[in-house]
Amino acid sequence: MRRVARGGTALLALVALVVLAMAAGAQAKEVKVTARQSVEHSGAKGDTVIEGGLTIEYDDILITAERATVNMGAGVARLAGKVALVQGDVQIDCDSMDLNIKKKTAAVAGNVRLQKRETQVAKDESGKPKVSVVTLTCAAMEIFTDTQNFNASGKVSIVKDGQRAQAEQASYNNAGKVLTLTGSVSIQGEENESIKCDRAELHTDQVLVKAEGENMEITFEIEE
């Protein structure tokens, strides 16, 4: 059966909240979708099309977007329009997202911007650990929501405090706090020192860079 509800309060005639219970062995995951303007629902195994703003909440994740197509049975959603995902200290903003809740992945594209608050090894004057904000922009990214590991591609740019880096691709290991950069890697440090190489590891919780490749180029400044 196909049902359509439009308009703020009229939406209550169909759903104010769509709750998805997805079987995972003997357990089920509850996913709450809040729609704000219109919903078109095609039945329990069909797609739910949402326009006019929505939020998706599950585990420790909150996602917002202007519109989405959600398949309850498959546990997938395609979101578009000012998409944002917040999970702990991580926020991702993008134009579109393909979300797979069962596989714990989100593939994002278009003006991708990730920000992550990272506790540093170094401490401030009071002895407390410093906190830095790592900002990464790229064309596309796949993030694994159970680990917060991700793979980014397409004009990858990274900023952390006074450190900047560019590469064609980047992979992040959250457990090790390591960004692996590949393809035309360029890193500039806080003192204007720079490294150009084929591959580099950049640690997000400290000022540590490891570079490798053929014909690496290192430049720095000295006072005369």
Protein backbone atom coordinates (compact mmCIF):
# COMPACT_ATOMS: atom_id res chain seq x y z
CA MET A 1 0.00 0.00 0.00
CA ARG A 2 1.29 3.43 -0.92
CA ARG A 3 0.66 6.23 1.53
CA VAL A 4 1.56 9.90 1.38
CA ALA A 5 1.43 12.48 4.15
CA ARG A 6 2.33 16.13 3.67
CA GLY A 7 2.48 19.18 5.88
CA GLY A 8 3.77 19.63 9.42
CA THR A 9 0.96 18.35 11.70
CA ALA A 10 -0.65 16.29 8.95
CA LEU A 11 2.43 14.10 9.06
CA LEU A 12 1.10 12.59 12.30
CA ALA A 13 -1.55 10.85 10.22
CA LEU A 14 1.18 8.56 8.91
CA VAL A 15 4.33 8.80 11.01
CA ALA A 16 6.12 11.30 13.16
CA LEU A 17 8.79 8.73 13.83
CA VAL A 18 9.75 5.77 11.71
CA VAL A 19 11.29 3.04 13.86
CA LEU A 20 13.31 0.41 12.04
CA ALA A 21 13.93 -2.85 13.90
CA MET A 22 16.58 -4.78 12.03
CA ALA A 23 17.26 -8.38 12.97
CA ALA A 24 20.88 -9.17 13.75
CA GLY A 25 20.84 -12.75 14.92
CA ALA A 26 18.79 -12.83 18.11
CA GLN A 27 19.13 -9.07 18.57
CA ALA A 28 17.56 -6.08 16.85
CA LYS A 29 18.79 -2.56 16.33
CA GLU A 30 16.40 0.34 16.79
CA VAL A 31 16.78 3.20 14.34
CA LYS A 32 14.64 6.30 14.75
CA VAL A 33 13.85 8.48 11.73
CA THR A 34 12.13 11.80 12.38
CA ALA A 35 10.52 13.45 9.35
CA ARG A 36 9.53 17.14 9.39
CA GLN A 37 7.44 17.79 6.30
CA SER A 38 6.41 14.94 3.99
CA VAL A 39 6.65 11.16 3.83
CA GLU A 40 5.75 8.74 1.03
CA HIS A 41 5.69 5.17 2.28
CA SER A 42 5.38 2.13 0.00
CA GLY A 43 4.85 -0.63 2.57
CA ALA A 44 6.93 -2.58 5.06
CA LYS A 45 9.45 -3.82 2.46
CA GLY A 46 9.33 -0.80 0.17
CA ASP A 47 11.06 2.57 0.22
CA THR A 48 10.12 5.51 2.38
CA VAL A 49 10.75 8.85 0.64
CA ILE A 50 11.16 11.81 2.98
CA GLU A 51 11.25 15.46 1.91
CA GLY A 52 11.57 18.69 3.86
CA GLY A 53 14.11 17.68 6.48
CA LEU A 54 14.80 14.61 8.62
CA THR A 55 17.02 13.13 11.30
CA ILE A 56 18.22 9.54 11.69
CA GLU A 57 19.34 8.34 15.13
CA TYR A 58 20.88 5.00 16.12
CA ASP A 59 23.68 3.88 18.44
CA ASP A 60 25.72 7.04 19.11
CA ILE A 61 25.06 8.50 15.64
CA LEU A 62 22.91 11.45 14.60
CA ILE A 63 22.39 12.21 10.89
CA THR A 64 20.49 15.16 9.42
CA ALA A 65 19.56 15.89 5.80
CA GLU A 66 17.00 17.71 3.67
CA ARG A 67 15.69 14.56 1.97
CA ALA A 68 16.19 10.80 1.95
CA THR A 69 15.03 7.49 0.55
CA VAL A 70 15.02 4.85 3.29
CA ASN A 71 14.57 1.10 2.87
CA MET A 72 13.62 -0.31 6.25
CA GLY A 73 14.10 -3.97 5.45
CA ALA A 74 17.56 -3.52 3.93
CA GLY A 75 18.66 -1.00 6.57
CA VAL A 76 19.92 1.44 3.96
CA ALA A 77 19.27 5.08 3.22
CA ARG A 78 20.29 7.52 0.50
CA LEU A 79 20.42 11.06 1.84
CA ALA A 80 20.92 14.37 0.07
CA GLY A 81 20.97 18.08 0.79
CA LYS A 82 23.10 19.53 3.61
CA VAL A 83 23.88 16.11 5.00
CA ALA A 84 25.64 15.98 8.39
CA LEU A 85 26.73 12.99 10.49
CA VAL A 86 27.77 13.44 14.13
CA GLN A 87 29.35 10.62 16.11
CA GLY A 88 31.19 11.50 19.30
CA ASP A 89 34.02 13.90 18.47
CA VAL A 90 33.56 13.45 14.70
CA GLN A 91 31.35 15.49 12.38
CA ILE A 92 31.05 14.95 8.62
CA ASP A 93 29.31 17.42 6.31
CA CYS A 94 28.63 16.58 2.65
CA ASP A 95 26.18 16.85 -0.24
CA SER A 96 25.09 13.20 -0.31
CA MET A 97 25.40 9.99 1.68
CA ASP A 98 24.72 6.30 1.06
CA LEU A 99 24.20 4.83 4.52
CA ASN A 100 24.25 1.10 5.25
CA ILE A 101 23.32 0.59 8.89
CA LYS A 102 23.71 -3.19 8.81
CA LYS A 103 27.21 -3.03 7.31
CA LYS A 104 28.11 -0.03 9.52
CA THR A 105 29.30 2.10 6.60
CA ALA A 106 28.56 5.51 5.16
CA ALA A 107 29.78 6.55 1.71
CA VAL A 108 29.72 10.33 1.34
CA ALA A 109 30.41 12.61 -1.61
CA GLY A 110 30.36 16.24 -2.65
CA ASN A 111 32.10 18.98 -0.64
CA VAL A 112 33.07 16.47 2.05
CA ARG A 113 34.36 18.01 5.27
CA LEU A 114 35.33 15.97 8.33
CA GLN A 115 36.24 17.51 11.66
CA LYS A 116 37.62 15.48 14.56
CA ARG A 117 38.58 16.66 18.04
CA GLU A 118 41.74 14.78 18.98
CA THR A 119 43.37 14.62 22.41
CA GLN A 120 47.11 15.17 22.01
CA VAL A 121 50.05 13.42 23.63
CA ALA A 122 51.49 16.84 24.48
CA LYS A 123 50.21 18.65 27.57
CA ASP A 124 49.53 22.32 28.19
CA GLU A 125 51.10 24.49 30.90
CA SER A 126 48.69 23.17 33.53
CA GLY A 127 49.60 19.56 32.73
CA LYS A 128 46.36 18.74 30.95
CA PRO A 129 46.42 17.07 27.51
CA LYS A 130 45.99 19.49 24.63
CA VAL A 131 43.05 19.05 22.27
CA SER A 132 43.43 19.76 18.55
CA VAL A 133 40.86 19.86 15.77
CA VAL A 134 41.76 17.88 12.66
CA THR A 135 39.93 19.09 9.54
CA LEU A 136 39.93 17.00 6.36
CA THR A 137 38.26 17.93 3.06
CA CYS A 138 37.96 15.71 -0.01
CA ALA A 139 35.70 14.73 -2.91
CA ALA A 140 34.54 11.37 -1.51
CA MET A 141 34.89 9.24 1.61
CA GLU A 142 33.80 5.93 3.10
CA ILE A 143 33.66 5.79 6.89
CA PHE A 144 33.19 2.68 9.04
CA THR A 145 30.96 3.77 11.90
CA ASP A 146 31.94 0.96 14.28
CA THR A 147 35.63 1.99 14.27
CA GLN A 148 35.60 5.52 12.78
CA ASN A 149 38.23 4.37 10.29
CA PHE A 150 37.81 5.94 6.86
CA ASN A 151 39.14 6.11 3.31
CA ALA A 152 39.15 9.50 1.55
CA SER A 153 39.89 10.33 -2.08
CA GLY A 154 39.95 13.26 -4.46
CA LYS A 155 41.99 16.37 -3.58
CA VAL A 156 42.46 15.40 0.05
CA SER A 157 43.45 18.35 2.25
CA ILE A 158 44.22 18.15 5.98
CA VAL A 159 44.71 20.92 8.54
CA LYS A 160 45.74 20.39 12.16
CA ASP A 161 46.95 23.35 14.18
CA GLY A 162 49.82 24.80 12.09
CA GLN A 163 50.30 21.63 10.04
CA ARG A 164 48.86 21.24 6.54
CA ALA A 165 48.90 18.33 4.11
CA GLN A 166 47.61 17.43 0.65
CA ALA A 167 47.36 14.08 -1.12
CA GLU A 168 45.32 12.15 -3.66
CA GLN A 169 44.12 9.57 -1.11
CA ALA A 170 44.07 9.18 2.67
CA SER A 171 43.21 6.27 4.97
CA TYR A 172 42.66 6.72 8.69
CA ASN A 173 43.17 4.16 11.46
CA ASN A 174 41.40 5.48 14.54
CA ALA A 175 42.96 3.00 16.98
CA GLY A 176 46.48 4.01 15.95
CA LYS A 177 45.61 7.69 15.35
CA VAL A 178 47.39 7.47 11.97
CA LEU A 179 46.49 9.03 8.63
CA THR A 180 48.21 7.29 5.71
CA LEU A 181 48.55 9.63 2.73
CA THR A 182 49.34 8.45 -0.80
CA GLY A 183 49.69 10.10 -4.20
CA SER A 184 51.52 13.43 -4.66
CA VAL A 185 51.86 13.94 -0.91
CA SER A 186 52.84 17.38 0.34
CA ILE A 187 53.14 18.26 4.04
CA GLN A 188 53.95 21.64 5.53
CA GLY A 189 54.90 21.97 9.19
CA GLU A 190 54.43 24.70 11.76
CA GLU A 191 57.88 26.18 11.05
CA ASN A 192 57.32 26.30 7.25
CA GLU A 193 59.31 23.12 6.74
CA SER A 194 57.86 20.92 4.00
CA ILE A 195 58.08 17.38 2.65
CA LYS A 196 57.04 16.10 -0.77
CA CYS A 197 56.87 12.31 -1.14
CA ASP A 198 54.92 9.33 -2.48
CA ARG A 199 53.57 8.14 0.86
CA ALA A 200 53.44 9.48 4.39
CA GLU A 201 52.02 8.67 7.80
CA LEU A 202 50.68 11.60 9.77
CA HIS A 203 49.79 11.10 13.43
CA THR A 204 46.71 13.00 14.54
CA ASP A 205 47.50 12.88 18.29
CA GLN A 206 51.04 14.27 18.08
CA VAL A 207 53.45 16.10 15.79
CA LEU A 208 54.96 13.07 14.06
CA VAL A 209 55.36 12.46 10.33
CA LYS A 210 56.89 9.45 8.59
CA ALA A 211 57.57 9.77 4.85
CA GLU A 212 58.80 7.40 2.16
CA GLY A 213 59.22 7.22 -1.60
CA GLU A 214 61.69 7.96 -4.38
CA ASN A 215 63.23 11.42 -4.77
CA MET A 216 61.66 12.86 -1.63
CA GLU A 217 62.04 16.62 -1.36
CA ILE A 218 62.52 18.31 2.01
CA THR A 219 62.76 22.09 2.38
CA PHE A 220 63.24 24.27 5.44
CA GLU A 221 64.33 27.77 6.40
CA ILE A 222 67.36 28.90 8.43
CA GLU A 223 68.19 32.29 9.77
CA GLU A 224 71.40 33.84 8.45
